All heavy atoms as atom14 arrays in JSON, in Angstrom:
{
  "sequence": "LKGFVSVESDLFGGEQKYLDLTSIHVSEDMRGMGIGKTLFLAAKEWAK",
  "atom14_mask": [
    [1, 1, 1, 1, 1, 1, 1, 1, 0, 0, 0, 0, 0, 0],
    [1, 1, 1, 1, 1, 1, 1, 1, 1, 0, 0, 0, 0, 0],
    [1, 1, 1, 1, 0, 0, 0, 0, 0, 0, 0, 0, 0, 0],
    [1, 1, 1, 1, 1, 1, 1, 1, 1, 1, 1, 0, 0, 0],
    [1, 1, 1, 1, 1, 1, 1, 0, 0, 0, 0, 0, 0, 0],
    [1, 1, 1, 1, 1, 1, 0, 0, 0, 0, 0, 0, 0, 0],
    [1, 1, 1, 1, 1, 1, 1, 0, 0, 0, 0, 0, 0, 0],
    [1, 1, 1, 1, 1, 1, 1, 1, 1, 0, 0, 0, 0, 0],
    [1, 1, 1, 1, 1, 1, 0, 0, 0, 0, 0, 0, 0, 0],
    [1, 1, 1, 1, 1, 1, 1, 1, 0, 0, 0, 0, 0, 0],
    [1, 1, 1, 1, 1, 1, 1, 1, 0, 0, 0, 0, 0, 0],
    [1, 1, 1, 1, 1, 1, 1, 1, 1, 1, 1, 0, 0, 0],
    [1, 1, 1, 1, 0, 0, 0, 0, 0, 0, 0, 0, 0, 0],
    [1, 1, 1, 1, 0, 0, 0, 0, 0, 0, 0, 0, 0, 0],
    [1, 1, 1, 1, 1, 1, 1, 1, 1, 0, 0, 0, 0, 0],
    [1, 1, 1, 1, 1, 1, 1, 1, 1, 0, 0, 0, 0, 0],
    [1, 1, 1, 1, 1, 1, 1, 1, 1, 0, 0, 0, 0, 0],
    [1, 1, 1, 1, 1, 1, 1, 1, 1, 1, 1, 1, 0, 0],
    [1, 1, 1, 1, 1, 1, 1, 1, 0, 0, 0, 0, 0, 0],
    [1, 1, 1, 1, 1, 1, 1, 1, 0, 0, 0, 0, 0, 0],
    [1, 1, 1, 1, 1, 1, 1, 1, 0, 0, 0, 0, 0, 0],
    [1, 1, 1, 1, 1, 1, 1, 0, 0, 0, 0, 0, 0, 0],
    [1, 1, 1, 1, 1, 1, 0, 0, 0, 0, 0, 0, 0, 0],
    [1, 1, 1, 1, 1, 1, 1, 1, 0, 0, 0, 0, 0, 0],
    [1, 1, 1, 1, 1, 1, 1, 1, 1, 1, 0, 0, 0, 0],
    [1, 1, 1, 1, 1, 1, 1, 0, 0, 0, 0, 0, 0, 0],
    [1, 1, 1, 1, 1, 1, 0, 0, 0, 0, 0, 0, 0, 0],
    [1, 1, 1, 1, 1, 1, 1, 1, 1, 0, 0, 0, 0, 0],
    [1, 1, 1, 1, 1, 1, 1, 1, 0, 0, 0, 0, 0, 0],
    [1, 1, 1, 1, 1, 1, 1, 1, 0, 0, 0, 0, 0, 0],
    [1, 1, 1, 1, 1, 1, 1, 1, 1, 1, 1, 0, 0, 0],
    [1, 1, 1, 1, 0, 0, 0, 0, 0, 0, 0, 0, 0, 0],
    [1, 1, 1, 1, 1, 1, 1, 1, 0, 0, 0, 0, 0, 0],
    [1, 1, 1, 1, 0, 0, 0, 0, 0, 0, 0, 0, 0, 0],
    [1, 1, 1, 1, 1, 1, 1, 1, 0, 0, 0, 0, 0, 0],
    [1, 1, 1, 1, 0, 0, 0, 0, 0, 0, 0, 0, 0, 0],
    [1, 1, 1, 1, 1, 1, 1, 1, 1, 0, 0, 0, 0, 0],
    [1, 1, 1, 1, 1, 1, 1, 0, 0, 0, 0, 0, 0, 0],
    [1, 1, 1, 1, 1, 1, 1, 1, 0, 0, 0, 0, 0, 0],
    [1, 1, 1, 1, 1, 1, 1, 1, 1, 1, 1, 0, 0, 0],
    [1, 1, 1, 1, 1, 1, 1, 1, 0, 0, 0, 0, 0, 0],
    [1, 1, 1, 1, 1, 0, 0, 0, 0, 0, 0, 0, 0, 0],
    [1, 1, 1, 1, 1, 0, 0, 0, 0, 0, 0, 0, 0, 0],
    [1, 1, 1, 1, 1, 1, 1, 1, 1, 0, 0, 0, 0, 0],
    [1, 1, 1, 1, 1, 1, 1, 1, 1, 0, 0, 0, 0, 0],
    [1, 1, 1, 1, 1, 1, 1, 1, 1, 1, 1, 1, 1, 1],
    [1, 1, 1, 1, 1, 0, 0, 0, 0, 0, 0, 0, 0, 0],
    [1, 1, 1, 1, 1, 1, 1, 1, 1, 0, 0, 0, 0, 0]
  ],
  "atom14_positions": [
    [[-4.92, -3.25, 20.56], [-4.05, -3.96, 19.76], [-3.23, -3.3, 18.8], [-3.69, -2.48, 18.0], [-5.0, -5.02, 19.01], [-4.17, -6.14, 18.12], [-3.52, -7.12, 19.06], [-5.09, -6.68, 17.09], [0.0, 0.0, 0.0], [0.0, 0.0, 0.0], [0.0, 0.0, 0.0], [0.0, 0.0, 0.0], [0.0, 0.0, 0.0], [0.0, 0.0, 0.0]],
    [[-1.89, -3.58, 18.88], [-0.88, -2.99, 17.93], [0.02, -3.9, 17.22], [0.76, -3.41, 16.36], [-0.04, -1.9, 18.75], [-0.8, -0.71, 19.34], [-1.46, 0.12, 18.08], [-2.28, 1.33, 18.61], [-2.83, 2.02, 17.49], [0.0, 0.0, 0.0], [0.0, 0.0, 0.0], [0.0, 0.0, 0.0], [0.0, 0.0, 0.0], [0.0, 0.0, 0.0]],
    [[-0.09, -5.07, 17.42], [0.55, -6.23, 16.76], [0.19, -7.53, 17.05], [-0.27, -7.82, 18.16], [0.0, 0.0, 0.0], [0.0, 0.0, 0.0], [0.0, 0.0, 0.0], [0.0, 0.0, 0.0], [0.0, 0.0, 0.0], [0.0, 0.0, 0.0], [0.0, 0.0, 0.0], [0.0, 0.0, 0.0], [0.0, 0.0, 0.0], [0.0, 0.0, 0.0]],
    [[0.47, -8.47, 16.19], [0.19, -9.88, 16.44], [0.84, -10.79, 15.63], [1.35, -10.44, 14.57], [-1.42, -10.17, 16.38], [-1.93, -9.97, 15.06], [-2.01, -10.95, 14.17], [-2.31, -8.64, 14.65], [-2.59, -10.77, 12.81], [-2.81, -8.49, 13.38], [-2.94, -9.53, 12.55], [0.0, 0.0, 0.0], [0.0, 0.0, 0.0], [0.0, 0.0, 0.0]],
    [[1.05, -12.04, 16.07], [1.74, -13.04, 15.34], [0.96, -14.4, 15.46], [0.4, -14.61, 16.63], [3.23, -13.27, 15.75], [3.3, -13.79, 17.15], [4.0, -14.11, 14.73], [0.0, 0.0, 0.0], [0.0, 0.0, 0.0], [0.0, 0.0, 0.0], [0.0, 0.0, 0.0], [0.0, 0.0, 0.0], [0.0, 0.0, 0.0], [0.0, 0.0, 0.0]],
    [[0.93, -15.28, 14.57], [0.34, -16.54, 14.79], [1.08, -17.62, 14.06], [1.9, -17.55, 13.06], [-1.14, -16.6, 14.0], [-1.06, -16.36, 12.62], [0.0, 0.0, 0.0], [0.0, 0.0, 0.0], [0.0, 0.0, 0.0], [0.0, 0.0, 0.0], [0.0, 0.0, 0.0], [0.0, 0.0, 0.0], [0.0, 0.0, 0.0], [0.0, 0.0, 0.0]],
    [[1.15, -18.83, 14.77], [1.83, -19.98, 14.43], [1.0, -21.2, 14.52], [0.35, -21.39, 15.55], [3.14, -20.16, 15.18], [3.84, -21.45, 14.71], [3.99, -19.06, 15.12], [0.0, 0.0, 0.0], [0.0, 0.0, 0.0], [0.0, 0.0, 0.0], [0.0, 0.0, 0.0], [0.0, 0.0, 0.0], [0.0, 0.0, 0.0], [0.0, 0.0, 0.0]],
    [[0.86, -21.92, 13.4], [0.0, -23.1, 13.47], [0.6, -24.31, 14.11], [1.89, -24.29, 14.38], [-0.33, -23.53, 11.93], [-0.96, -22.44, 11.11], [-2.26, -21.7, 11.67], [-3.14, -22.54, 12.21], [-2.31, -20.64, 11.74], [0.0, 0.0, 0.0], [0.0, 0.0, 0.0], [0.0, 0.0, 0.0], [0.0, 0.0, 0.0], [0.0, 0.0, 0.0]],
    [[-0.21, -25.26, 14.51], [0.25, -26.26, 15.38], [0.76, -27.55, 14.76], [1.46, -28.34, 15.31], [-0.74, -26.73, 16.36], [-1.82, -27.22, 15.7], [0.0, 0.0, 0.0], [0.0, 0.0, 0.0], [0.0, 0.0, 0.0], [0.0, 0.0, 0.0], [0.0, 0.0, 0.0], [0.0, 0.0, 0.0], [0.0, 0.0, 0.0], [0.0, 0.0, 0.0]],
    [[0.49, -27.69, 13.35], [0.96, -28.89, 12.6], [2.28, -28.93, 11.98], [2.52, -27.99, 11.21], [-0.2, -29.23, 11.49], [-1.46, -29.52, 12.08], [-1.58, -30.01, 13.28], [-2.47, -29.29, 11.46], [0.0, 0.0, 0.0], [0.0, 0.0, 0.0], [0.0, 0.0, 0.0], [0.0, 0.0, 0.0], [0.0, 0.0, 0.0], [0.0, 0.0, 0.0]],
    [[3.11, -29.77, 12.38], [4.49, -29.93, 11.85], [4.21, -30.24, 10.34], [3.41, -31.24, 10.01], [5.33, -30.91, 12.55], [5.83, -30.32, 13.95], [6.49, -31.45, 14.63], [6.95, -29.27, 13.64], [0.0, 0.0, 0.0], [0.0, 0.0, 0.0], [0.0, 0.0, 0.0], [0.0, 0.0, 0.0], [0.0, 0.0, 0.0], [0.0, 0.0, 0.0]],
    [[5.25, -29.77, 9.4], [5.08, -30.33, 8.05], [6.53, -30.23, 7.58], [7.48, -29.6, 8.18], [4.11, -29.6, 7.15], [4.51, -28.09, 6.97], [5.17, -27.63, 5.78], [4.16, -27.11, 7.79], [5.52, -26.4, 5.58], [4.38, -25.82, 7.62], [5.19, -25.5, 6.47], [0.0, 0.0, 0.0], [0.0, 0.0, 0.0], [0.0, 0.0, 0.0]],
    [[6.74, -30.69, 6.26], [8.05, -30.63, 5.61], [9.06, -31.63, 5.92], [10.31, -31.56, 5.69], [0.0, 0.0, 0.0], [0.0, 0.0, 0.0], [0.0, 0.0, 0.0], [0.0, 0.0, 0.0], [0.0, 0.0, 0.0], [0.0, 0.0, 0.0], [0.0, 0.0, 0.0], [0.0, 0.0, 0.0], [0.0, 0.0, 0.0], [0.0, 0.0, 0.0]],
    [[8.47, -32.79, 6.4], [9.43, -33.94, 6.66], [10.5, -33.6, 7.66], [10.27, -33.08, 8.69], [0.0, 0.0, 0.0], [0.0, 0.0, 0.0], [0.0, 0.0, 0.0], [0.0, 0.0, 0.0], [0.0, 0.0, 0.0], [0.0, 0.0, 0.0], [0.0, 0.0, 0.0], [0.0, 0.0, 0.0], [0.0, 0.0, 0.0], [0.0, 0.0, 0.0]],
    [[11.78, -33.92, 7.29], [12.79, -33.7, 8.16], [13.01, -32.08, 8.48], [13.77, -31.84, 9.39], [14.09, -34.28, 7.63], [14.65, -33.72, 6.3], [15.86, -34.5, 5.72], [15.81, -35.72, 5.76], [16.83, -33.77, 5.5], [0.0, 0.0, 0.0], [0.0, 0.0, 0.0], [0.0, 0.0, 0.0], [0.0, 0.0, 0.0], [0.0, 0.0, 0.0]],
    [[12.49, -31.36, 7.64], [12.63, -29.84, 7.93], [11.96, -29.62, 9.37], [12.24, -28.56, 9.93], [11.92, -29.09, 6.82], [12.65, -29.27, 5.46], [14.1, -29.04, 5.44], [14.65, -28.24, 6.05], [14.77, -30.03, 4.8], [0.0, 0.0, 0.0], [0.0, 0.0, 0.0], [0.0, 0.0, 0.0], [0.0, 0.0, 0.0], [0.0, 0.0, 0.0]],
    [[10.87, -30.28, 9.55], [10.11, -30.01, 10.82], [9.75, -28.55, 11.0], [10.11, -27.82, 11.86], [10.84, -30.57, 12.05], [10.91, -31.97, 12.26], [11.18, -32.34, 13.67], [10.79, -33.8, 13.97], [11.07, -34.06, 15.43], [0.0, 0.0, 0.0], [0.0, 0.0, 0.0], [0.0, 0.0, 0.0], [0.0, 0.0, 0.0], [0.0, 0.0, 0.0]],
    [[8.88, -28.11, 9.94], [8.52, -26.74, 9.84], [7.13, -26.63, 10.77], [6.41, -27.38, 10.82], [8.09, -26.37, 8.54], [9.27, -26.11, 7.54], [9.19, -26.81, 6.27], [10.18, -25.14, 7.76], [10.27, -26.62, 5.39], [11.25, -24.98, 6.79], [11.24, -25.67, 5.55], [12.19, -25.39, 4.65], [0.0, 0.0, 0.0], [0.0, 0.0, 0.0]],
    [[7.1, -25.4, 11.29], [5.78, -24.96, 11.89], [5.56, -23.58, 11.13], [6.45, -22.83, 10.83], [5.81, -24.65, 13.33], [5.49, -25.86, 14.24], [5.49, -25.46, 15.67], [4.2, -26.54, 13.76], [0.0, 0.0, 0.0], [0.0, 0.0, 0.0], [0.0, 0.0, 0.0], [0.0, 0.0, 0.0], [0.0, 0.0, 0.0], [0.0, 0.0, 0.0]],
    [[4.32, -23.26, 10.73], [3.79, -22.37, 9.86], [3.55, -21.0, 10.63], [2.57, -21.04, 11.35], [2.57, -22.8, 9.03], [2.35, -22.17, 7.7], [3.22, -21.21, 7.49], [1.43, -22.46, 7.07], [0.0, 0.0, 0.0], [0.0, 0.0, 0.0], [0.0, 0.0, 0.0], [0.0, 0.0, 0.0], [0.0, 0.0, 0.0], [0.0, 0.0, 0.0]],
    [[4.3, -19.99, 10.33], [4.16, -18.73, 10.94], [3.17, -18.05, 9.82], [3.57, -17.66, 8.82], [5.41, -17.96, 11.05], [5.28, -16.55, 11.77], [6.48, -16.18, 12.54], [4.82, -15.39, 10.77], [0.0, 0.0, 0.0], [0.0, 0.0, 0.0], [0.0, 0.0, 0.0], [0.0, 0.0, 0.0], [0.0, 0.0, 0.0], [0.0, 0.0, 0.0]],
    [[1.84, -17.99, 10.26], [0.79, -17.49, 9.22], [0.54, -16.15, 9.27], [0.05, -15.66, 8.22], [-0.43, -18.36, 9.44], [-0.78, -18.31, 10.83], [-0.38, -19.84, 8.9], [0.0, 0.0, 0.0], [0.0, 0.0, 0.0], [0.0, 0.0, 0.0], [0.0, 0.0, 0.0], [0.0, 0.0, 0.0], [0.0, 0.0, 0.0], [0.0, 0.0, 0.0]],
    [[1.0, -15.42, 10.18], [0.81, -14.01, 10.16], [1.68, -13.18, 11.16], [1.99, -13.83, 12.33], [-0.68, -13.53, 10.48], [-1.1, -13.93, 11.63], [0.0, 0.0, 0.0], [0.0, 0.0, 0.0], [0.0, 0.0, 0.0], [0.0, 0.0, 0.0], [0.0, 0.0, 0.0], [0.0, 0.0, 0.0], [0.0, 0.0, 0.0], [0.0, 0.0, 0.0]],
    [[2.18, -12.07, 10.81], [2.79, -11.24, 11.73], [2.59, -9.99, 11.18], [2.95, -9.57, 10.05], [4.25, -11.52, 12.01], [4.86, -10.58, 12.92], [5.15, -11.56, 10.67], [6.35, -10.92, 13.45], [0.0, 0.0, 0.0], [0.0, 0.0, 0.0], [0.0, 0.0, 0.0], [0.0, 0.0, 0.0], [0.0, 0.0, 0.0], [0.0, 0.0, 0.0]],
    [[1.97, -8.98, 11.98], [1.67, -7.59, 11.55], [1.8, -6.7, 12.73], [1.39, -7.05, 13.9], [0.17, -7.56, 11.02], [-0.05, -8.43, 9.87], [0.34, -8.09, 8.64], [-0.52, -9.66, 9.64], [0.04, -9.01, 7.73], [-0.58, -9.98, 8.43], [0.0, 0.0, 0.0], [0.0, 0.0, 0.0], [0.0, 0.0, 0.0], [0.0, 0.0, 0.0]],
    [[2.21, -5.46, 12.4], [2.28, -4.42, 13.44], [1.5, -3.36, 12.83], [1.68, -2.88, 11.64], [3.84, -4.05, 13.67], [3.93, -2.8, 14.67], [4.59, -5.28, 14.34], [0.0, 0.0, 0.0], [0.0, 0.0, 0.0], [0.0, 0.0, 0.0], [0.0, 0.0, 0.0], [0.0, 0.0, 0.0], [0.0, 0.0, 0.0], [0.0, 0.0, 0.0]],
    [[0.74, -2.69, 13.66], [0.0, -1.43, 13.2], [1.03, -0.35, 12.76], [2.0, -0.04, 13.23], [-0.86, -0.98, 14.36], [-1.67, -0.02, 14.01], [0.0, 0.0, 0.0], [0.0, 0.0, 0.0], [0.0, 0.0, 0.0], [0.0, 0.0, 0.0], [0.0, 0.0, 0.0], [0.0, 0.0, 0.0], [0.0, 0.0, 0.0], [0.0, 0.0, 0.0]],
    [[0.54, 0.28, 11.75], [1.35, 1.32, 10.99], [1.77, 2.3, 11.92], [2.96, 2.75, 11.87], [0.61, 1.93, 9.87], [1.43, 3.01, 9.02], [0.61, 3.72, 7.92], [-0.57, 3.97, 8.08], [1.13, 3.73, 6.9], [0.0, 0.0, 0.0], [0.0, 0.0, 0.0], [0.0, 0.0, 0.0], [0.0, 0.0, 0.0], [0.0, 0.0, 0.0]],
    [[0.96, 2.74, 12.86], [1.5, 3.85, 13.85], [2.48, 3.33, 14.87], [2.94, 4.15, 15.57], [0.3, 4.32, 14.59], [-0.59, 3.39, 15.36], [-0.66, 2.14, 14.8], [-1.22, 3.69, 16.37], [0.0, 0.0, 0.0], [0.0, 0.0, 0.0], [0.0, 0.0, 0.0], [0.0, 0.0, 0.0], [0.0, 0.0, 0.0], [0.0, 0.0, 0.0]],
    [[2.76, 2.13, 14.98], [3.78, 1.54, 16.01], [4.97, 0.73, 15.36], [5.7, 0.17, 16.06], [3.08, 0.59, 16.94], [1.9, 1.18, 17.66], [2.5, 2.55, 18.81], [3.01, 1.53, 20.14], [0.0, 0.0, 0.0], [0.0, 0.0, 0.0], [0.0, 0.0, 0.0], [0.0, 0.0, 0.0], [0.0, 0.0, 0.0], [0.0, 0.0, 0.0]],
    [[5.12, 0.89, 14.01], [6.18, 0.16, 13.24], [7.46, 0.93, 13.71], [7.55, 2.05, 13.88], [5.97, 0.16, 11.85], [4.8, -0.7, 11.42], [4.62, -0.82, 9.94], [3.24, -1.47, 9.67], [2.53, -1.13, 8.78], [2.87, -0.39, 7.93], [1.29, -1.71, 8.67], [0.0, 0.0, 0.0], [0.0, 0.0, 0.0], [0.0, 0.0, 0.0]],
    [[8.64, -0.04, 13.64], [9.97, 0.58, 13.93], [10.27, 0.77, 15.41], [11.24, 1.27, 15.82], [0.0, 0.0, 0.0], [0.0, 0.0, 0.0], [0.0, 0.0, 0.0], [0.0, 0.0, 0.0], [0.0, 0.0, 0.0], [0.0, 0.0, 0.0], [0.0, 0.0, 0.0], [0.0, 0.0, 0.0], [0.0, 0.0, 0.0], [0.0, 0.0, 0.0]],
    [[9.43, 0.08, 16.26], [9.56, 0.3, 17.76], [10.04, -1.02, 18.4], [10.09, -1.2, 19.55], [8.3, 0.82, 18.37], [7.91, 2.2, 17.88], [6.36, 2.7, 18.55], [6.8, 2.99, 20.22], [0.0, 0.0, 0.0], [0.0, 0.0, 0.0], [0.0, 0.0, 0.0], [0.0, 0.0, 0.0], [0.0, 0.0, 0.0], [0.0, 0.0, 0.0]],
    [[10.34, -2.17, 17.63], [10.72, -3.4, 18.15], [9.63, -4.34, 18.41], [9.82, -5.48, 18.89], [0.0, 0.0, 0.0], [0.0, 0.0, 0.0], [0.0, 0.0, 0.0], [0.0, 0.0, 0.0], [0.0, 0.0, 0.0], [0.0, 0.0, 0.0], [0.0, 0.0, 0.0], [0.0, 0.0, 0.0], [0.0, 0.0, 0.0], [0.0, 0.0, 0.0]],
    [[8.37, -3.98, 18.19], [7.2, -4.86, 18.44], [7.29, -6.07, 17.51], [7.19, -7.25, 18.04], [5.96, -4.15, 18.21], [5.83, -3.02, 19.36], [4.74, -5.15, 18.22], [4.66, -2.13, 19.04], [0.0, 0.0, 0.0], [0.0, 0.0, 0.0], [0.0, 0.0, 0.0], [0.0, 0.0, 0.0], [0.0, 0.0, 0.0], [0.0, 0.0, 0.0]],
    [[7.64, -5.99, 16.21], [7.75, -7.02, 15.41], [8.8, -8.03, 15.8], [8.51, -9.26, 15.77], [0.0, 0.0, 0.0], [0.0, 0.0, 0.0], [0.0, 0.0, 0.0], [0.0, 0.0, 0.0], [0.0, 0.0, 0.0], [0.0, 0.0, 0.0], [0.0, 0.0, 0.0], [0.0, 0.0, 0.0], [0.0, 0.0, 0.0], [0.0, 0.0, 0.0]],
    [[9.88, -7.51, 16.23], [10.93, -8.38, 16.65], [10.5, -9.2, 17.88], [10.68, -10.38, 17.98], [12.23, -7.55, 17.11], [13.36, -8.36, 17.55], [14.6, -7.54, 17.81], [15.69, -8.32, 18.3], [16.93, -7.58, 18.56], [0.0, 0.0, 0.0], [0.0, 0.0, 0.0], [0.0, 0.0, 0.0], [0.0, 0.0, 0.0], [0.0, 0.0, 0.0]],
    [[9.92, -8.45, 18.85], [9.52, -9.21, 20.14], [8.38, -10.29, 19.77], [8.47, -11.43, 20.26], [8.77, -8.26, 21.09], [9.89, -7.29, 21.42], [8.37, -8.91, 22.37], [0.0, 0.0, 0.0], [0.0, 0.0, 0.0], [0.0, 0.0, 0.0], [0.0, 0.0, 0.0], [0.0, 0.0, 0.0], [0.0, 0.0, 0.0], [0.0, 0.0, 0.0]],
    [[7.53, -10.02, 18.76], [6.48, -11.06, 18.41], [7.08, -12.17, 17.68], [6.86, -13.32, 17.93], [5.39, -10.42, 17.55], [4.56, -9.27, 18.1], [3.75, -8.56, 16.97], [3.65, -9.95, 19.14], [0.0, 0.0, 0.0], [0.0, 0.0, 0.0], [0.0, 0.0, 0.0], [0.0, 0.0, 0.0], [0.0, 0.0, 0.0], [0.0, 0.0, 0.0]],
    [[8.13, -11.87, 16.82], [8.79, -12.92, 16.01], [9.56, -13.84, 16.97], [9.54, -15.05, 16.92], [9.7, -12.37, 14.94], [10.28, -13.36, 14.11], [9.56, -13.54, 12.78], [11.41, -14.03, 14.13], [9.94, -14.54, 11.9], [11.91, -14.94, 13.14], [11.19, -15.18, 12.18], [0.0, 0.0, 0.0], [0.0, 0.0, 0.0], [0.0, 0.0, 0.0]],
    [[10.34, -13.24, 17.98], [10.96, -14.02, 18.96], [10.09, -14.89, 19.67], [10.51, -16.06, 19.99], [11.87, -13.19, 19.7], [13.08, -12.42, 19.07], [13.76, -11.5, 19.89], [14.08, -13.48, 18.36], [0.0, 0.0, 0.0], [0.0, 0.0, 0.0], [0.0, 0.0, 0.0], [0.0, 0.0, 0.0], [0.0, 0.0, 0.0], [0.0, 0.0, 0.0]],
    [[8.94, -14.4, 20.05], [8.02, -15.29, 20.84], [7.51, -16.44, 19.9], [7.32, -17.57, 20.58], [6.83, -14.36, 21.29], [0.0, 0.0, 0.0], [0.0, 0.0, 0.0], [0.0, 0.0, 0.0], [0.0, 0.0, 0.0], [0.0, 0.0, 0.0], [0.0, 0.0, 0.0], [0.0, 0.0, 0.0], [0.0, 0.0, 0.0], [0.0, 0.0, 0.0]],
    [[7.32, -16.12, 18.75], [6.81, -17.26, 17.81], [7.93, -18.34, 17.69], [7.56, -19.49, 17.63], [6.5, -16.64, 16.46], [0.0, 0.0, 0.0], [0.0, 0.0, 0.0], [0.0, 0.0, 0.0], [0.0, 0.0, 0.0], [0.0, 0.0, 0.0], [0.0, 0.0, 0.0], [0.0, 0.0, 0.0], [0.0, 0.0, 0.0], [0.0, 0.0, 0.0]],
    [[9.19, -17.74, 17.66], [10.39, -18.83, 17.45], [10.28, -19.75, 18.73], [10.63, -20.97, 18.66], [11.57, -18.1, 17.43], [11.94, -17.66, 15.95], [13.26, -16.94, 15.82], [14.38, -17.87, 16.09], [15.79, -17.06, 15.82], [0.0, 0.0, 0.0], [0.0, 0.0, 0.0], [0.0, 0.0, 0.0], [0.0, 0.0, 0.0], [0.0, 0.0, 0.0]],
    [[10.23, -19.15, 19.85], [10.31, -19.8, 21.14], [9.13, -20.84, 21.34], [9.4, -22.04, 21.63], [10.18, -18.87, 22.25], [10.35, -19.45, 23.62], [11.79, -20.17, 23.84], [12.68, -19.75, 23.28], [11.78, -21.13, 24.61], [0.0, 0.0, 0.0], [0.0, 0.0, 0.0], [0.0, 0.0, 0.0], [0.0, 0.0, 0.0], [0.0, 0.0, 0.0]],
    [[7.92, -20.47, 20.82], [6.84, -21.23, 20.95], [7.07, -22.44, 19.98], [6.7, -23.62, 20.29], [5.62, -20.59, 20.68], [4.23, -21.38, 20.83], [3.62, -21.58, 21.99], [3.72, -22.24, 19.83], [2.59, -22.46, 21.74], [2.52, -22.79, 20.39], [3.84, -22.38, 18.49], [1.7, -23.68, 19.71], [3.05, -23.29, 17.68], [2.04, -23.96, 18.32]],
    [[7.47, -22.18, 18.78], [7.74, -23.26, 17.83], [8.77, -24.24, 18.33], [8.6, -25.47, 18.03], [8.22, -22.63, 16.56], [0.0, 0.0, 0.0], [0.0, 0.0, 0.0], [0.0, 0.0, 0.0], [0.0, 0.0, 0.0], [0.0, 0.0, 0.0], [0.0, 0.0, 0.0], [0.0, 0.0, 0.0], [0.0, 0.0, 0.0], [0.0, 0.0, 0.0]],
    [[9.75, -23.76, 18.87], [10.73, -24.57, 19.42], [10.29, -25.56, 20.5], [10.48, -26.88, 20.57], [12.04, -23.82, 20.04], [13.2, -24.58, 20.51], [14.27, -23.66, 21.0], [15.54, -24.54, 21.36], [16.67, -23.56, 21.68], [0.0, 0.0, 0.0], [0.0, 0.0, 0.0], [0.0, 0.0, 0.0], [0.0, 0.0, 0.0], [0.0, 0.0, 0.0]]
  ]
}
């Protein structure tokens, strides 16, 4: 494991229709390699 992201399933914020990205972390030895971006984009897609 070198990175992870989590998104909760409950919508909140009224018309904002937010989903909560509760964590996104990349292991120190793998930062700057695009892992965080890939994880974040996957979270956005799942939320959509």
